[in-house]
Structure formats: C-alpha cells, structure tokens
Amino acid sequence: MLALVFVPALVCPTEAAATTRRGLPQVFTGRAFDTCSAPSPALLRAWRRSSPYGALGLYIGGGNRACSQPLLTRGYVRAAAGMGWRMLPLYVGAQAPCVTDAHARTGRINSANAFGQGQSDGQDAVRAARGLGLGAGSPVYLDMEAYSRDRGRCSLAVLRYTAAWSRAVHQAGYLSGFYSSADSGVADLASLAATGRAAPPPGTMPDVVWYARWDHRASTDGYKALSQSQWAGHRRVHQYVGNAVENHGGQSAMIDRNAVDAPVAVVP
C-alpha cells in the first residue's frame, strides 16, 4: 500500500475523491478524439459535419509533448470554437521516474524536487493556455503517461508533482485535470483518495480525471478505474480506444477515442 505518512493531508476519504468542487463553467457530454498534432482545419470542418465527435483534445505544451504543433495558434482555437468544437487542453509535463514510454525518460520527475517541478510546470501550463486564448475556468489536463506502479517512491513522486501542478493551475483560475492510465496514475490517485485520513490542502487535487483504459466501452462509469463516488458529477473522461484510423467526410486521421462528461475549454 502507498505509505500515507509520506504524503500528509492530501486527501479526504468522504468527498468525491477530494475534488475541489469548483464550478464548471462549460461542460461537454459526448465523444471526443485526440491526435498527436492538431488536425487541419479541413479535417475539423469535415468531421464536424459527418463524425460522431463534438470535442477534441489538443496538446498545448509541456517538455514531453511528442509532436510539433505547427497549426496550433490562438487563431486556430478561435476557428475551431467557431465551428462548434469543444476542446480539452492537454499538457505533457515531467513524467514518472518509472515511466514505461522511452520517449519520456529524458524528462522525468526528480523525486527530490517533485513539488518544485510540479509548480513550475503548472505555471508553464497556464502560460500555454493563456497564449492560446483559453480563458479562466478552462481545464488543463496534465498528461501522465503509463508507468510501472510501485505504490512507493515512484508513485509518491507522481502524487507530489501532481499536487503542486494542480495548486499552480488553480491559483491562476484554471481547473486541474489529470490524464493517465487506469492502471498507474489514476490507480494511484484513486487509491490515495480512498484511503486518505485528512482533508487536502486547498487546490492540491485534480478537479477532473481522464482515465485511459482501452476496453472499447464508450462510457464514463469508471469501470475498473474509479469508484462510483470518485470524481462524480461531470468530472470524468474515458479514453476507451487508442490508435484507431477513422475517415469522415473524406478526411482521415489516427486518433484516440474518448467518452466525455467533463469541463471543456472556455474560449471567450
């Protein structure tokens, strides 16, 4: 079990996973897709007309962002919003010390400075969101890729980093989201929430959880990831299929598929 003595006062066992119960300015319920690079305006137009998707994930920043984003500008965001798209901003910051993805191993959390890294990356995520014109009240989802969960030092580093990241995002008026595998990052966060013994410091827990379990179930019921009470009330995204090629309206892309019942970006 995760040693709670190392993470004092991070969670409350009775509140829905100790989420902060902040207001949710804009909530979307439906299906979303995400791609490594922001898709072309032509694809957005075609898919808005003929696909089942109403929202898209956008990788807005972070030292471990895997793909370049030549199209992703403030104007792109405005144009996508004008077409009716809702957006889920993702930030790929420092990764777990025991991350399994080789790409992310050069930008890992330093266990001795997890709080400092989390705060710095949270502030950078806010700058990226503001640079794209995403208003206060928007969620920014921290992308923590899958790792070899040890319920010890590595898990602890992730939780400390996430707590500091969330606080920095909250202090700037944004919502904190957390994306990870249901078997690693989300499992650690949910376990800590379920077994915690004290109320969290203000703003240290994510408001929304985006769990990856490729089970082909287009649902946010938390199956094998979250208990019924954890992050309930429009605070869940489920990535249920990965690396699928789809064509709609003559435009093709490799995507991940997501079921959404969660806040989306505010585009003034």
Protein backbone atom coordinates (compact mmCIF):
# COMPACT_ATOMS: atom_id res chain seq x y z
CA MET A 1 0.00 0.00 0.00
CA LEU A 2 1.06 3.59 -0.60
CA ALA A 3 2.61 4.93 2.59
CA LEU A 4 0.41 7.86 3.54
CA VAL A 5 2.92 9.08 6.08
CA PHE A 6 4.94 10.40 3.15
CA VAL A 7 2.02 12.39 1.74
CA PRO A 8 0.38 14.17 4.67
CA ALA A 9 -3.06 15.70 4.31
CA LEU A 10 -3.51 15.22 0.60
CA VAL A 11 -6.88 13.56 0.54
CA CYS A 12 -10.26 13.28 2.18
CA PRO A 13 -11.93 9.87 2.17
CA THR A 14 -15.51 11.11 2.07
CA GLU A 15 -15.55 13.77 -0.65
CA ALA A 16 -15.73 12.60 -4.23
CA ALA A 17 -12.05 11.76 -4.46
CA ALA A 18 -11.29 15.02 -2.70
CA THR A 19 -12.00 17.03 -5.80
CA THR A 20 -12.22 20.71 -5.11
CA ARG A 21 -15.90 21.15 -6.05
CA ARG A 22 -15.08 24.20 -8.12
CA GLY A 23 -17.70 25.49 -10.52
CA LEU A 24 -17.62 24.03 -14.01
CA PRO A 25 -18.13 26.91 -16.46
CA GLN A 26 -18.61 24.73 -19.57
CA VAL A 27 -19.38 21.01 -19.54
CA PHE A 28 -19.50 18.72 -22.58
CA THR A 29 -21.10 15.29 -22.61
CA GLY A 30 -20.42 13.22 -25.70
CA ARG A 31 -17.50 11.85 -27.69
CA ALA A 32 -14.09 13.40 -28.29
CA PHE A 33 -11.00 12.45 -30.23
CA ASP A 34 -7.39 13.41 -29.79
CA THR A 35 -4.44 13.33 -32.18
CA CYS A 36 -0.74 13.86 -31.60
CA SER A 37 -0.69 17.07 -33.68
CA ALA A 38 -3.63 19.43 -34.01
CA PRO A 39 -5.67 18.32 -37.05
CA SER A 40 -6.09 20.52 -40.10
CA PRO A 41 -8.98 22.97 -40.42
CA ALA A 42 -10.19 20.92 -43.38
CA LEU A 43 -10.47 17.84 -41.18
CA LEU A 44 -12.22 19.81 -38.46
CA ARG A 45 -14.81 21.06 -40.94
CA ALA A 46 -15.40 17.62 -42.45
CA TRP A 47 -15.56 15.82 -39.13
CA ARG A 48 -17.85 18.42 -37.60
CA ARG A 49 -20.36 17.64 -40.32
CA SER A 50 -20.06 13.86 -40.53
CA SER A 51 -18.36 12.34 -37.46
CA PRO A 52 -19.83 11.38 -34.07
CA TYR A 53 -17.36 13.66 -32.29
CA GLY A 54 -18.10 17.02 -30.73
CA ALA A 55 -14.83 17.71 -28.90
CA LEU A 56 -11.11 17.27 -29.47
CA GLY A 57 -8.04 17.01 -27.29
CA LEU A 58 -5.23 19.45 -28.02
CA TYR A 59 -1.67 19.10 -26.73
CA ILE A 60 -0.92 22.68 -25.77
CA GLY A 61 2.53 22.34 -24.21
CA GLY A 62 4.99 20.59 -21.93
CA GLY A 63 8.55 19.37 -22.21
CA ASN A 64 7.43 15.85 -23.10
CA ARG A 65 4.94 16.77 -25.80
CA ALA A 66 5.66 14.20 -28.50
CA CYS A 67 4.61 16.06 -31.67
CA SER A 68 5.15 19.51 -33.08
CA GLN A 69 2.12 21.77 -33.35
CA PRO A 70 2.57 23.94 -36.46
CA LEU A 71 -1.16 24.69 -36.68
CA LEU A 72 -1.93 25.32 -33.03
CA THR A 73 -2.34 29.07 -32.55
CA ARG A 74 -4.82 31.41 -30.92
CA GLY A 75 -6.47 31.83 -34.33
CA TYR A 76 -6.77 28.05 -34.75
CA VAL A 77 -8.51 27.76 -31.39
CA ARG A 78 -10.95 30.55 -32.25
CA ALA A 79 -11.70 28.97 -35.62
CA ALA A 80 -12.30 25.54 -34.08
CA ALA A 81 -14.61 27.05 -31.48
CA GLY A 82 -16.43 28.88 -34.25
CA MET A 83 -17.12 25.56 -35.97
CA GLY A 84 -18.70 24.30 -32.76
CA TRP A 85 -15.84 22.18 -31.46
CA ARG A 86 -15.28 21.88 -27.72
CA MET A 87 -11.68 21.48 -26.64
CA LEU A 88 -9.79 19.53 -23.97
CA PRO A 89 -6.32 21.06 -23.48
CA LEU A 90 -3.53 18.63 -22.52
CA TYR A 91 -0.12 19.46 -21.06
CA VAL A 92 2.65 16.83 -21.13
CA GLY A 93 4.92 17.80 -18.27
CA ALA A 94 7.53 15.81 -16.36
CA GLN A 95 6.80 12.10 -16.29
CA ALA A 96 7.01 9.45 -13.59
CA PRO A 97 10.51 8.30 -12.61
CA CYS A 98 9.38 4.78 -13.60
CA VAL A 99 7.63 5.79 -16.85
CA THR A 100 7.41 2.97 -19.38
CA ASP A 101 7.48 5.13 -22.55
CA ALA A 102 11.09 5.51 -23.72
CA HIS A 103 10.31 8.91 -25.28
CA ALA A 104 9.53 10.41 -21.87
CA ARG A 105 12.53 9.06 -19.97
CA THR A 106 14.62 12.17 -20.57
CA GLY A 107 12.05 14.41 -18.87
CA ARG A 108 11.19 12.63 -15.65
CA ILE A 109 10.18 13.88 -12.23
CA ASN A 110 13.08 14.33 -9.83
CA SER A 111 11.80 12.69 -6.66
CA ALA A 112 13.76 15.15 -4.51
CA ASN A 113 12.15 18.15 -6.23
CA ALA A 114 8.72 16.90 -7.26
CA PHE A 115 6.90 19.82 -5.65
CA GLY A 116 9.14 22.39 -7.32
CA GLN A 117 8.85 20.76 -10.73
CA GLY A 118 5.10 20.50 -10.39
CA GLN A 119 4.72 24.15 -9.51
CA SER A 120 6.95 25.28 -12.37
CA ASP A 121 5.20 23.08 -14.92
CA GLY A 122 1.79 24.15 -13.66
CA GLN A 123 2.72 27.78 -14.20
CA ASP A 124 4.00 26.92 -17.68
CA ALA A 125 0.73 25.14 -18.48
CA VAL A 126 -1.17 28.28 -17.54
CA ARG A 127 1.04 30.38 -19.82
CA ALA A 128 0.39 27.96 -22.68
CA ALA A 129 -3.37 28.08 -22.10
CA ARG A 130 -3.42 31.86 -21.95
CA GLY A 131 -1.28 32.08 -25.07
CA LEU A 132 -3.94 30.18 -26.99
CA GLY A 133 -6.73 32.37 -25.66
CA LEU A 134 -8.20 29.80 -23.29
CA GLY A 135 -9.99 31.69 -20.57
CA ALA A 136 -10.06 31.27 -16.81
CA GLY A 137 -12.27 28.37 -15.79
CA SER A 138 -10.85 26.20 -18.57
CA PRO A 139 -9.49 22.82 -17.56
CA VAL A 140 -5.89 21.94 -18.34
CA TYR A 141 -5.29 18.20 -18.29
CA LEU A 142 -1.90 17.00 -17.05
CA ASP A 143 -0.82 14.06 -19.22
CA MET A 144 0.99 11.49 -17.06
CA GLU A 145 1.83 8.56 -19.29
CA ALA A 146 1.71 4.97 -18.05
CA TYR A 147 4.33 3.89 -15.55
CA SER A 148 5.31 0.83 -13.55
CA ARG A 149 3.26 1.50 -10.46
CA ASP A 150 5.20 0.61 -7.31
CA ARG A 151 2.97 2.20 -4.62
CA GLY A 152 6.21 3.58 -3.19
CA ARG A 153 8.82 6.10 -4.26
CA CYS A 154 7.74 6.42 -7.89
CA SER A 155 4.05 6.68 -7.06
CA LEU A 156 4.84 9.21 -4.36
CA ALA A 157 6.80 11.40 -6.78
CA VAL A 158 3.85 11.43 -9.19
CA LEU A 159 1.39 12.39 -6.45
CA ARG A 160 3.61 15.17 -5.10
CA TYR A 161 4.22 16.56 -8.57
CA THR A 162 0.51 16.41 -9.40
CA ALA A 163 -0.45 18.16 -6.16
CA ALA A 164 1.91 21.06 -6.84
CA TRP A 165 0.88 21.24 -10.50
CA SER A 166 -2.78 21.36 -9.55
CA ARG A 167 -2.23 24.09 -7.00
CA ALA A 168 -0.38 26.26 -9.53
CA VAL A 169 -3.15 25.81 -12.10
CA HIS A 170 -5.85 26.57 -9.54
CA GLN A 171 -4.07 29.69 -8.32
CA ALA A 172 -4.30 31.08 -11.85
CA GLY A 173 -8.05 30.45 -12.04
CA TYR A 174 -7.99 27.29 -14.17
CA LEU A 175 -9.32 23.81 -13.46
CA SER A 176 -6.86 20.97 -12.96
CA GLY A 177 -7.37 17.80 -14.96
CA PHE A 178 -5.33 14.60 -14.73
CA TYR A 179 -4.88 12.11 -17.58
CA SER A 180 -3.21 8.75 -17.03
CA SER A 181 -3.60 5.02 -17.37
CA ALA A 182 -6.29 3.49 -15.20
CA ASP A 183 -3.62 1.02 -14.07
CA SER A 184 -0.97 3.52 -12.95
CA GLY A 185 -1.54 7.25 -12.42
CA VAL A 186 -5.30 7.05 -12.00
CA ALA A 187 -4.96 3.99 -9.78
CA ASP A 188 -2.52 5.81 -7.51
CA LEU A 189 -4.69 8.91 -7.32
CA ALA A 190 -7.86 6.92 -6.66
CA SER A 191 -6.12 4.75 -4.06
CA LEU A 192 -4.79 7.75 -2.21
CA ALA A 193 -8.21 9.36 -2.23
CA ALA A 194 -9.91 6.23 -0.97
CA THR A 195 -7.51 5.66 1.92
CA GLY A 196 -6.72 9.23 2.96
CA ARG A 197 -7.18 10.32 6.54
CA ALA A 198 -7.13 14.12 6.39
CA ALA A 199 -8.58 16.94 4.34
CA PRO A 200 -6.42 18.11 1.43
CA PRO A 201 -4.68 21.47 1.38
CA PRO A 202 -6.71 23.81 -0.82
CA GLY A 203 -6.34 23.17 -4.52
CA THR A 204 -3.98 20.20 -4.46
CA MET A 205 -6.24 17.56 -6.01
CA PRO A 206 -7.34 17.49 -9.66
CA ASP A 207 -10.89 18.57 -10.42
CA VAL A 208 -11.30 16.12 -13.30
CA VAL A 209 -9.87 12.69 -14.13
CA TRP A 210 -9.27 11.41 -17.66
CA TYR A 211 -8.57 7.69 -17.41
CA ALA A 212 -7.15 5.57 -20.21
CA ARG A 213 -8.50 2.03 -20.39
CA TRP A 214 -8.77 0.72 -23.93
CA ASP A 215 -11.75 -1.52 -23.28
CA HIS A 216 -13.94 -0.28 -26.17
CA ARG A 217 -16.60 0.86 -23.69
CA ALA A 218 -17.73 4.38 -24.60
CA SER A 219 -18.75 5.17 -21.04
CA THR A 220 -17.59 7.31 -18.13
CA ASP A 221 -18.95 4.96 -15.47
CA GLY A 222 -15.45 4.42 -14.07
CA TYR A 223 -15.46 0.67 -14.71
CA LYS A 224 -12.28 -0.85 -13.21
CA ALA A 225 -10.85 2.64 -12.70
CA LEU A 226 -12.91 4.77 -10.29
CA SER A 227 -15.48 4.06 -7.61
CA GLN A 228 -18.97 5.43 -8.10
CA SER A 229 -18.30 8.41 -5.83
CA GLN A 230 -14.88 9.37 -7.17
CA TRP A 231 -14.82 12.37 -9.49
CA ALA A 232 -18.57 12.14 -9.99
CA GLY A 233 -20.72 14.94 -11.38
CA HIS A 234 -19.34 15.86 -14.82
CA ARG A 235 -15.71 15.24 -13.85
CA ARG A 236 -14.66 12.25 -15.95
CA VAL A 237 -13.21 11.47 -19.37
CA HIS A 238 -12.56 7.91 -20.52
CA GLN A 239 -10.11 7.14 -23.33
CA TYR A 240 -11.58 3.83 -24.48
CA VAL A 241 -9.76 3.16 -27.78
CA GLY A 242 -6.27 4.13 -28.90
CA ASN A 243 -4.54 4.45 -32.27
CA ALA A 244 -7.61 3.98 -34.43
CA VAL A 245 -7.75 5.24 -38.03
CA GLU A 246 -11.03 6.89 -38.99
CA ASN A 247 -12.29 8.64 -42.11
CA HIS A 248 -15.16 11.10 -42.10
CA GLY A 249 -16.09 13.37 -44.97
CA GLY A 250 -13.04 12.31 -46.95
CA GLN A 251 -10.56 13.25 -44.19
CA SER A 252 -8.57 10.56 -42.36
CA ALA A 253 -6.65 10.61 -39.09
CA MET A 254 -5.23 8.27 -36.47
CA ILE A 255 -6.97 9.09 -33.23
CA ASP A 256 -7.73 8.04 -29.69
CA ARG A 257 -11.44 7.83 -28.87
CA ASN A 258 -12.84 9.30 -25.68
CA ALA A 259 -16.15 9.42 -23.85
CA VAL A 260 -16.55 12.77 -22.10
CA ASP A 261 -18.66 14.08 -19.25
CA ALA A 262 -16.42 16.89 -18.12
CA PRO A 263 -15.48 20.56 -18.37
CA VAL A 264 -14.03 21.88 -21.62
CA ALA A 265 -12.07 24.97 -22.58
CA VAL A 266 -13.58 28.40 -22.26
CA VAL A 267 -12.93 30.39 -25.45
CA PRO A 268 -14.11 33.98 -24.90
